[in-house]
Amino acid sequence: MLTVGFSELRANLTSVTNQVIQEGEEITVFKRNQPAFKIVPLGVDSTSDNKEAVAKTSSETIDQEKILGAATSFIDRYESVFERLSQ
């Protein structure tokens, strides 16, 4: 499992989400040196290391730009909520 800081996530959202989607990595996001939340791939049991299922999911026709745009908007919109939850 990988870890990333909240600021780093905001700066590198595309590469972080690609790592989750393509490699099936679970990523724990830290805020103020405390774990705040996890990003996990959908459709894959997080306790298994099933790279084949991840590859199949990522190869489906998904408009990644819309998803990344929505994710960025979501993070920006609810940043204060994430900050309060991480305390």
PDB file of N, CA and C in Angstrom:
ATOM      1  N   MET A   1       0.836  -1.165   0.000  1.00  0.00           N
ATOM      2  CA  MET A   1       0.000   0.000   0.000  1.00  0.00           C
ATOM      3  C   MET A   1       0.890   1.241   0.000  1.00  0.00           C
ATOM      4  N   LEU A   2       0.526   2.201  -0.814  1.00  0.00           N
ATOM      5  CA  LEU A   2       1.288   3.441  -0.926  1.00  0.00           C
ATOM      6  C   LEU A   2       0.642   4.533  -0.086  1.00  0.00           C
ATOM      7  N   THR A   3       1.424   5.578   0.194  1.00  0.00           N
ATOM      8  CA  THR A   3       0.902   6.735   0.912  1.00  0.00           C
ATOM      9  C   THR A   3       1.251   7.998   0.133  1.00  0.00           C
ATOM     10  N   VAL A   4       0.422   9.027   0.307  1.00  0.00           N
ATOM     11  CA  VAL A   4       0.642  10.301  -0.363  1.00  0.00           C
ATOM     12  C   VAL A   4       0.065  11.392   0.534  1.00  0.00           C
ATOM     13  N   GLY A   5       0.703  12.554   0.521  1.00  0.00           N
ATOM     14  CA  GLY A   5       0.183  13.695   1.260  1.00  0.00           C
ATOM     15  C   GLY A   5      -0.944  14.360   0.484  1.00  0.00           C
ATOM     16  N   PHE A   6      -1.816  15.075   1.199  1.00  0.00           N
ATOM     17  CA  PHE A   6      -2.963  15.721   0.563  1.00  0.00           C
ATOM     18  C   PHE A   6      -2.524  16.715  -0.513  1.00  0.00           C
ATOM     19  N   SER A   7      -1.501  17.503  -0.219  1.00  0.00           N
ATOM     20  CA  SER A   7      -1.007  18.479  -1.202  1.00  0.00           C
ATOM     21  C   SER A   7      -0.446  17.787  -2.433  1.00  0.00           C
ATOM     22  N   GLU A   8       0.276  16.692  -2.213  1.00  0.00           N
ATOM     23  CA  GLU A   8       0.824  15.927  -3.333  1.00  0.00           C
ATOM     24  C   GLU A   8      -0.292  15.312  -4.171  1.00  0.00           C
ATOM     25  N   LEU A   9      -1.355  14.852  -3.513  1.00  0.00           N
ATOM     26  CA  LEU A   9      -2.504  14.297  -4.233  1.00  0.00           C
ATOM     27  C   LEU A   9      -3.120  15.347  -5.146  1.00  0.00           C
ATOM     28  N   ARG A  10      -3.317  16.544  -4.626  1.00  0.00           N
ATOM     29  CA  ARG A  10      -3.907  17.612  -5.433  1.00  0.00           C
ATOM     30  C   ARG A  10      -3.030  17.945  -6.634  1.00  0.00           C
ATOM     31  N   ALA A  11      -1.721  17.946  -6.433  1.00  0.00           N
ATOM     32  CA  ALA A  11      -0.796  18.297  -7.511  1.00  0.00           C
ATOM     33  C   ALA A  11      -0.648  17.182  -8.537  1.00  0.00           C
ATOM     34  N   ASN A  12      -0.866  15.935  -8.131  1.00  0.00           N
ATOM     35  CA  ASN A  12      -0.617  14.785  -9.009  1.00  0.00           C
ATOM     36  C   ASN A  12      -1.823  13.862  -9.109  1.00  0.00           C
ATOM     37  N   LEU A  13      -3.017  14.422  -9.123  1.00  0.00           N
ATOM     38  CA  LEU A  13      -4.232  13.608  -9.106  1.00  0.00           C
ATOM     39  C   LEU A  13      -4.290  12.625 -10.266  1.00  0.00           C
ATOM     40  N   THR A  14      -3.911  13.061 -11.452  1.00  0.00           N
ATOM     41  CA  THR A  14      -3.965  12.176 -12.615  1.00  0.00           C
ATOM     42  C   THR A  14      -3.070  10.965 -12.438  1.00  0.00           C
ATOM     43  N   SER A  15      -1.835  11.173 -12.054  1.00  0.00           N
ATOM     44  CA  SER A  15      -0.923  10.035 -11.921  1.00  0.00           C
ATOM     45  C   SER A  15      -1.315   9.132 -10.755  1.00  0.00           C
ATOM     46  N   VAL A  16      -1.812   9.715  -9.678  1.00  0.00           N
ATOM     47  CA  VAL A  16      -2.235   8.899  -8.533  1.00  0.00           C
ATOM     48  C   VAL A  16      -3.435   8.036  -8.912  1.00  0.00           C
ATOM     49  N   THR A  17      -4.430   8.631  -9.557  1.00  0.00           N
ATOM     50  CA  THR A  17      -5.606   7.841  -9.935  1.00  0.00           C
ATOM     51  C   THR A  17      -5.258   6.802 -10.988  1.00  0.00           C
ATOM     52  N   ASN A  18      -4.361   7.116 -11.891  1.00  0.00           N
ATOM     53  CA  ASN A  18      -3.925   6.108 -12.865  1.00  0.00           C
ATOM     54  C   ASN A  18      -3.257   4.932 -12.170  1.00  0.00           C
ATOM     55  N   GLN A  19      -2.493   5.201 -11.145  1.00  0.00           N
ATOM     56  CA  GLN A  19      -1.831   4.131 -10.398  1.00  0.00           C
ATOM     57  C   GLN A  19      -2.868   3.238  -9.718  1.00  0.00           C
ATOM     58  N   VAL A  20      -3.917   3.841  -9.192  1.00  0.00           N
ATOM     59  CA  VAL A  20      -4.989   3.069  -8.563  1.00  0.00           C
ATOM     60  C   VAL A  20      -5.711   2.230  -9.610  1.00  0.00           C
ATOM     61  N   ILE A  21      -6.060   2.845 -10.728  1.00  0.00           N
ATOM     62  CA  ILE A  21      -6.830   2.160 -11.765  1.00  0.00           C
ATOM     63  C   ILE A  21      -6.008   1.097 -12.470  1.00  0.00           C
ATOM     64  N   GLN A  22      -4.831   1.445 -12.926  1.00  0.00           N
ATOM     65  CA  GLN A  22      -4.054   0.535 -13.763  1.00  0.00           C
ATOM     66  C   GLN A  22      -3.299  -0.524 -12.975  1.00  0.00           C
ATOM     67  N   GLU A  23      -2.834  -0.186 -11.785  1.00  0.00           N
ATOM     68  CA  GLU A  23      -2.013  -1.124 -11.022  1.00  0.00           C
ATOM     69  C   GLU A  23      -2.746  -1.725  -9.832  1.00  0.00           C
ATOM     70  N   GLY A  24      -3.952  -1.238  -9.582  1.00  0.00           N
ATOM     71  CA  GLY A  24      -4.725  -1.769  -8.468  1.00  0.00           C
ATOM     72  C   GLY A  24      -4.189  -1.407  -7.101  1.00  0.00           C
ATOM     73  N   GLU A  25      -3.407  -0.350  -7.033  1.00  0.00           N
ATOM     74  CA  GLU A  25      -2.800   0.067  -5.769  1.00  0.00           C
ATOM     75  C   GLU A  25      -3.835   0.740  -4.865  1.00  0.00           C
ATOM     76  N   GLU A  26      -3.768   0.453  -3.587  1.00  0.00           N
ATOM     77  CA  GLU A  26      -4.508   1.212  -2.585  1.00  0.00           C
ATOM     78  C   GLU A  26      -3.587   2.323  -2.108  1.00  0.00           C
ATOM     79  N   ILE A  27      -4.124   3.528  -2.011  1.00  0.00           N
ATOM     80  CA  ILE A  27      -3.306   4.662  -1.598  1.00  0.00           C
ATOM     81  C   ILE A  27      -3.955   5.327  -0.390  1.00  0.00           C
ATOM     82  N   THR A  28      -3.182   5.481   0.675  1.00  0.00           N
ATOM     83  CA  THR A  28      -3.646   6.177   1.864  1.00  0.00           C
ATOM     84  C   THR A  28      -3.200   7.629   1.765  1.00  0.00           C
ATOM     85  N   VAL A  29      -4.155   8.545   1.930  1.00  0.00           N
ATOM     86  CA  VAL A  29      -3.866   9.973   1.839  1.00  0.00           C
ATOM     87  C   VAL A  29      -3.726  10.534   3.258  1.00  0.00           C
ATOM     88  N   PHE A  30      -2.623  11.242   3.477  1.00  0.00           N
ATOM     89  CA  PHE A  30      -2.341  11.831   4.781  1.00  0.00           C
ATOM     90  C   PHE A  30      -2.594  13.331   4.750  1.00  0.00           C
ATOM     91  N   LYS A  31      -3.132  13.836   5.836  1.00  0.00           N
ATOM     92  CA  LYS A  31      -3.319  15.275   6.032  1.00  0.00           C
ATOM     93  C   LYS A  31      -2.731  15.606   7.392  1.00  0.00           C
ATOM     94  N   ARG A  32      -1.773  16.494   7.419  1.00  0.00           N
ATOM     95  CA  ARG A  32      -1.081  16.877   8.656  1.00  0.00           C
ATOM     96  C   ARG A  32      -0.488  15.659   9.365  1.00  0.00           C
ATOM     97  N   ASN A  33       0.174  14.829   8.572  1.00  0.00           N
ATOM     98  CA  ASN A  33       0.872  13.636   9.071  1.00  0.00           C
ATOM     99  C   ASN A  33      -0.035  12.598   9.729  1.00  0.00           C
ATOM    100  N   GLN A  34      -1.330  12.664   9.426  1.00  0.00           N
ATOM    101  CA  GLN A  34      -2.288  11.683   9.932  1.00  0.00           C
ATOM    102  C   GLN A  34      -3.041  11.080   8.748  1.00  0.00           C
ATOM    103  N   PRO A  35      -3.296   9.763   8.753  1.00  0.00           N
ATOM    104  CA  PRO A  35      -4.080   9.174   7.668  1.00  0.00           C
ATOM    105  C   PRO A  35      -5.482   9.778   7.658  1.00  0.00           C
ATOM    106  N   ALA A  36      -5.911  10.251   6.486  1.00  0.00           N
ATOM    107  CA  ALA A  36      -7.213  10.899   6.366  1.00  0.00           C
ATOM    108  C   ALA A  36      -8.222  10.021   5.634  1.00  0.00           C
ATOM    109  N   PHE A  37      -7.802   9.416   4.518  1.00  0.00           N
ATOM    110  CA  PHE A  37      -8.693   8.541   3.763  1.00  0.00           C
ATOM    111  C   PHE A  37      -7.882   7.691   2.816  1.00  0.00           C
ATOM    112  N   LYS A  38      -8.553   6.680   2.217  1.00  0.00           N
ATOM    113  CA  LYS A  38      -7.910   5.786   1.258  1.00  0.00           C
ATOM    114  C   LYS A  38      -8.561   5.935  -0.102  1.00  0.00           C
ATOM    115  N   ILE A  39      -7.758   5.737  -1.133  1.00  0.00           N
ATOM    116  CA  ILE A  39      -8.263   5.634  -2.496  1.00  0.00           C
ATOM    117  C   ILE A  39      -8.030   4.188  -2.910  1.00  0.00           C
ATOM    118  N   VAL A  40      -9.109   3.500  -3.258  1.00  0.00           N
ATOM    119  CA  VAL A  40      -9.009   2.086  -3.622  1.00  0.00           C
ATOM    120  C   VAL A  40      -9.703   1.860  -4.955  1.00  0.00           C
ATOM    121  N   PRO A  41      -9.238   0.892  -5.736  1.00  0.00           N
ATOM    122  CA  PRO A  41      -9.896   0.601  -7.009  1.00  0.00           C
ATOM    123  C   PRO A  41     -11.273  -0.010  -6.779  1.00  0.00           C
ATOM    124  N   LEU A  42     -12.231   0.335  -7.626  1.00  0.00           N
ATOM    125  CA  LEU A  42     -13.567  -0.243  -7.558  1.00  0.00           C
ATOM    126  C   LEU A  42     -13.591  -1.607  -8.215  1.00  0.00           C
ATOM    127  N   GLY A  43     -14.461  -2.459  -7.749  1.00  0.00           N
ATOM    128  CA  GLY A  43     -14.664  -3.751  -8.392  1.00  0.00           C
ATOM    129  C   GLY A  43     -13.609  -4.782  -8.087  1.00  0.00           C
ATOM    130  N   VAL A  44     -12.703  -4.479  -7.185  1.00  0.00           N
ATOM    131  CA  VAL A  44     -11.651  -5.422  -6.827  1.00  0.00           C
ATOM    132  C   VAL A  44     -11.656  -5.563  -5.314  1.00  0.00           C
ATOM    133  N   ASP A  45     -11.634  -6.783  -4.833  1.00  0.00           N
ATOM    134  CA  ASP A  45     -11.544  -7.028  -3.399  1.00  0.00           C
ATOM    135  C   ASP A  45     -10.233  -6.447  -2.901  1.00  0.00           C
ATOM    136  N   SER A  46     -10.307  -5.488  -1.978  1.00  0.00           N
ATOM    137  CA  SER A  46      -9.089  -4.802  -1.539  1.00  0.00           C
ATOM    138  C   SER A  46      -8.137  -5.712  -0.783  1.00  0.00           C
ATOM    139  N   THR A  47      -8.589  -6.889  -0.379  1.00  0.00           N
ATOM    140  CA  THR A  47      -7.687  -7.798   0.322  1.00  0.00           C
ATOM    141  C   THR A  47      -6.936  -8.704  -0.632  1.00  0.00           C
ATOM    142  N   SER A  48      -7.320  -8.696  -1.907  1.00  0.00           N
ATOM    143  CA  SER A  48      -6.627  -9.557  -2.870  1.00  0.00           C
ATOM    144  C   SER A  48      -5.736  -8.727  -3.774  1.00  0.00           C
ATOM    145  N   ASP A  49      -4.808  -9.417  -4.419  1.00  0.00           N
ATOM    146  CA  ASP A  49      -3.887  -8.748  -5.340  1.00  0.00           C
ATOM    147  C   ASP A  49      -4.229  -9.220  -6.746  1.00  0.00           C
ATOM    148  N   ASN A  50      -5.386  -8.844  -7.241  1.00  0.00           N
ATOM    149  CA  ASN A  50      -5.895  -9.376  -8.495  1.00  0.00           C
ATOM    150  C   ASN A  50      -5.658  -8.372  -9.623  1.00  0.00           C
ATOM    151  N   LYS A  51      -4.454  -8.365 -10.159  1.00  0.00           N
ATOM    152  CA  LYS A  51      -4.071  -7.411 -11.205  1.00  0.00           C
ATOM    153  C   LYS A  51      -4.881  -7.616 -12.490  1.00  0.00           C
ATOM    154  N   GLU A  52      -5.269  -8.853 -12.778  1.00  0.00           N
ATOM    155  CA  GLU A  52      -6.033  -9.131 -13.995  1.00  0.00           C
ATOM    156  C   GLU A  52      -7.391  -8.435 -13.958  1.00  0.00           C
ATOM    157  N   ALA A  53      -8.055  -8.464 -12.833  1.00  0.00           N
ATOM    158  CA  ALA A  53      -9.348  -7.799 -12.699  1.00  0.00           C
ATOM    159  C   ALA A  53      -9.202  -6.292 -12.847  1.00  0.00           C
ATOM    160  N   VAL A  54      -8.134  -5.749 -12.334  1.00  0.00           N
ATOM    161  CA  VAL A  54      -7.887  -4.315 -12.454  1.00  0.00           C
ATOM    162  C   VAL A  54      -7.657  -3.940 -13.907  1.00  0.00           C
ATOM    163  N   ALA A  55      -6.872  -4.740 -14.619  1.00  0.00           N
ATOM    164  CA  ALA A  55      -6.602  -4.470 -16.031  1.00  0.00           C
ATOM    165  C   ALA A  55      -7.892  -4.499 -16.833  1.00  0.00           C
ATOM    166  N   LYS A  56      -8.766  -5.446 -16.549  1.00  0.00           N
ATOM    167  CA  LYS A  56     -10.045  -5.537 -17.257  1.00  0.00           C
ATOM    168  C   LYS A  56     -10.887  -4.297 -16.978  1.00  0.00           C
ATOM    169  N   THR A  57     -10.958  -3.892 -15.716  1.00  0.00           N
ATOM    170  CA  THR A  57     -11.736  -2.715 -15.349  1.00  0.00           C
ATOM    171  C   THR A  57     -11.200  -1.464 -16.031  1.00  0.00           C
ATOM    172  N   SER A  58      -9.874  -1.314 -16.048  1.00  0.00           N
ATOM    173  CA  SER A  58      -9.296  -0.102 -16.625  1.00  0.00           C
ATOM    174  C   SER A  58      -9.376  -0.083 -18.140  1.00  0.00           C
ATOM    175  N   SER A  59      -9.575  -1.252 -18.762  1.00  0.00           N
ATOM    176  CA  SER A  59      -9.653  -1.289 -20.218  1.00  0.00           C
ATOM    177  C   SER A  59     -11.063  -1.026 -20.732  1.00  0.00           C
ATOM    178  N   GLU A  60     -12.043  -0.990 -19.834  1.00  0.00           N
ATOM    179  CA  GLU A  60     -13.409  -0.695 -20.248  1.00  0.00           C
ATOM    180  C   GLU A  60     -13.479   0.754 -20.713  1.00  0.00           C
ATOM    181  N   THR A  61     -14.529   1.046 -21.480  1.00  0.00           N
ATOM    182  CA  THR A  61     -14.656   2.394 -22.031  1.00  0.00           C
ATOM    183  C   THR A  61     -15.133   3.364 -20.957  1.00  0.00           C
ATOM    184  N   ILE A  62     -14.177   4.023 -20.341  1.00  0.00           N
ATOM    185  CA  ILE A  62     -14.443   5.010 -19.302  1.00  0.00           C
ATOM    186  C   ILE A  62     -13.799   6.318 -19.744  1.00  0.00           C
ATOM    187  N   ASP A  63     -14.553   7.374 -19.681  1.00  0.00           N
ATOM    188  CA  ASP A  63     -13.997   8.675 -20.029  1.00  0.00           C
ATOM    189  C   ASP A  63     -13.234   9.204 -18.816  1.00  0.00           C
ATOM    190  N   GLN A  64     -11.932   8.893 -18.762  1.00  0.00           N
ATOM    191  CA  GLN A  64     -11.123   9.221 -17.593  1.00  0.00           C
ATOM    192  C   GLN A  64     -11.014  10.721 -17.343  1.00  0.00           C
ATOM    193  N   GLU A  65     -11.049  11.503 -18.395  1.00  0.00           N
ATOM    194  CA  GLU A  65     -10.942  12.951 -18.190  1.00  0.00           C
ATOM    195  C   GLU A  65     -12.137  13.480 -17.401  1.00  0.00           C
ATOM    196  N   LYS A  66     -13.343  12.968 -17.689  1.00  0.00           N
ATOM    197  CA  LYS A  66     -14.527  13.394 -16.938  1.00  0.00           C
ATOM    198  C   LYS A  66     -14.437  12.937 -15.489  1.00  0.00           C
ATOM    199  N   ILE A  67     -13.960  11.725 -15.292  1.00  0.00           N
ATOM    200  CA  ILE A  67     -13.825  11.196 -13.937  1.00  0.00           C
ATOM    201  C   ILE A  67     -12.801  12.012 -13.152  1.00  0.00           C
ATOM    202  N   LEU A  68     -11.656  12.290 -13.768  1.00  0.00           N
ATOM    203  CA  LEU A  68     -10.620  13.062 -13.079  1.00  0.00           C
ATOM    204  C   LEU A  68     -11.086  14.483 -12.795  1.00  0.00           C
ATOM    205  N   GLY A  69     -11.824  15.045 -13.740  1.00  0.00           N
ATOM    206  CA  GLY A  69     -12.368  16.383 -13.525  1.00  0.00           C
ATOM    207  C   GLY A  69     -13.345  16.408 -12.359  1.00  0.00           C
ATOM    208  N   ALA A  70     -14.201  15.395 -12.303  1.00  0.00           N
ATOM    209  CA  ALA A  70     -15.158  15.296 -11.200  1.00  0.00           C
ATOM    210  C   ALA A  70     -14.440  15.077  -9.875  1.00  0.00           C
ATOM    211  N   ALA A  71     -13.403  14.237  -9.881  1.00  0.00           N
ATOM    212  CA  ALA A  71     -12.650  13.968  -8.649  1.00  0.00           C
ATOM    213  C   ALA A  71     -11.956  15.233  -8.152  1.00  0.00           C
ATOM    214  N   THR A  72     -11.345  15.969  -9.065  1.00  0.00           N
ATOM    215  CA  THR A  72     -10.675  17.211  -8.691  1.00  0.00           C
ATOM    216  C   THR A  72     -11.675  18.207  -8.125  1.00  0.00           C
ATOM    217  N   SER A  73     -12.812  18.328  -8.789  1.00  0.00           N
ATOM    218  CA  SER A  73     -13.858  19.227  -8.323  1.00  0.00           C
ATOM    219  C   SER A  73     -14.360  18.814  -6.941  1.00  0.00           C
ATOM    220  N   PHE A  74     -14.537  17.513  -6.752  1.00  0.00           N
ATOM    221  CA  PHE A  74     -14.996  16.988  -5.466  1.00  0.00           C
ATOM    222  C   PHE A  74     -14.002  17.305  -4.354  1.00  0.00           C
ATOM    223  N   ILE A  75     -12.727  17.055  -4.619  1.00  0.00           N
ATOM    224  CA  ILE A  75     -11.698  17.318  -3.611  1.00  0.00           C
ATOM    225  C   ILE A  75     -11.640  18.809  -3.288  1.00  0.00           C
ATOM    226  N   ASP A  76     -11.689  19.653  -4.321  1.00  0.00           N
ATOM    227  CA  ASP A  76     -11.651  21.096  -4.086  1.00  0.00           C
ATOM    228  C   ASP A  76     -12.871  21.559  -3.291  1.00  0.00           C
ATOM    229  N   ARG A  77     -14.040  21.041  -3.666  1.00  0.00           N
ATOM    230  CA  ARG A  77     -15.283  21.469  -3.031  1.00  0.00           C
ATOM    231  C   ARG A  77     -15.343  21.070  -1.558  1.00  0.00           C
ATOM    232  N   TYR A  78     -14.857  19.880  -1.248  1.00  0.00           N
ATOM    233  CA  TYR A  78     -14.976  19.354   0.111  1.00  0.00           C
ATOM    234  C   TYR A  78     -13.652  19.327   0.872  1.00  0.00           C
ATOM    235  N   GLU A  79     -12.713  20.160   0.468  1.00  0.00           N
ATOM    236  CA  GLU A  79     -11.410  20.198   1.131  1.00  0.00           C
ATOM    237  C   GLU A  79     -11.547  20.487   2.621  1.00  0.00           C
ATOM    238  N   SER A  80     -12.401  21.419   2.972  1.00  0.00           N
ATOM    239  CA  SER A  80     -12.564  21.751   4.394  1.00  0.00           C
ATOM    240  C   SER A  80     -13.145  20.573   5.174  1.00  0.00           C
ATOM    241  N   VAL A  81     -14.008  19.796   4.547  1.00  0.00           N
ATOM    242  CA  VAL A  81     -14.569  18.613   5.205  1.00  0.00           C
ATOM    243  C   VAL A  81     -13.471  17.584   5.449  1.00  0.00           C
ATOM    244  N   PHE A  82     -12.636  17.340   4.430  1.00  0.00           N
ATOM    245  CA  PHE A  82     -11.528  16.402   4.587  1.00  0.00           C
ATOM    246  C   PHE A  82     -10.584  16.860   5.699  1.00  0.00           C
ATOM    247  N   GLU A  83     -10.349  18.153   5.765  1.00  0.00           N
ATOM    248  CA  GLU A  83      -9.469  18.680   6.807  1.00  0.00           C
ATOM    249  C   GLU A  83     -10.050  18.429   8.190  1.00  0.00           C
ATOM    250  N   ARG A  84     -11.359  18.677   8.354  1.00  0.00           N
ATOM    251  CA  ARG A  84     -11.990  18.446   9.658  1.00  0.00           C
ATOM    252  C   ARG A  84     -11.995  16.967  10.014  1.00  0.00           C
ATOM    253  N   LEU A  85     -12.244  16.108   9.038  1.00  0.00           N
ATOM    254  CA  LEU A  85     -12.266  14.668   9.295  1.00  0.00           C
ATOM    255  C   LEU A  85     -10.894  14.127   9.679  1.00  0.00           C
ATOM    256  N   SER A  86      -9.854  14.749   9.170  1.00  0.00           N
ATOM    257  CA  SER A  86      -8.508  14.237   9.436  1.00  0.00           C
ATOM    258  C   SER A  86      -7.969  14.668  10.800  1.00  0.00           C
ATOM    259  N   GLN A  87      -8.682  15.522  11.474  1.00  0.00           N
ATOM    260  CA  GLN A  87      -8.201  16.006  12.784  1.00  0.00           C
ATOM    261  C   GLN A  87      -8.596  15.064  13.896  1.00  0.00           C
TER     262      GLN A  87
END
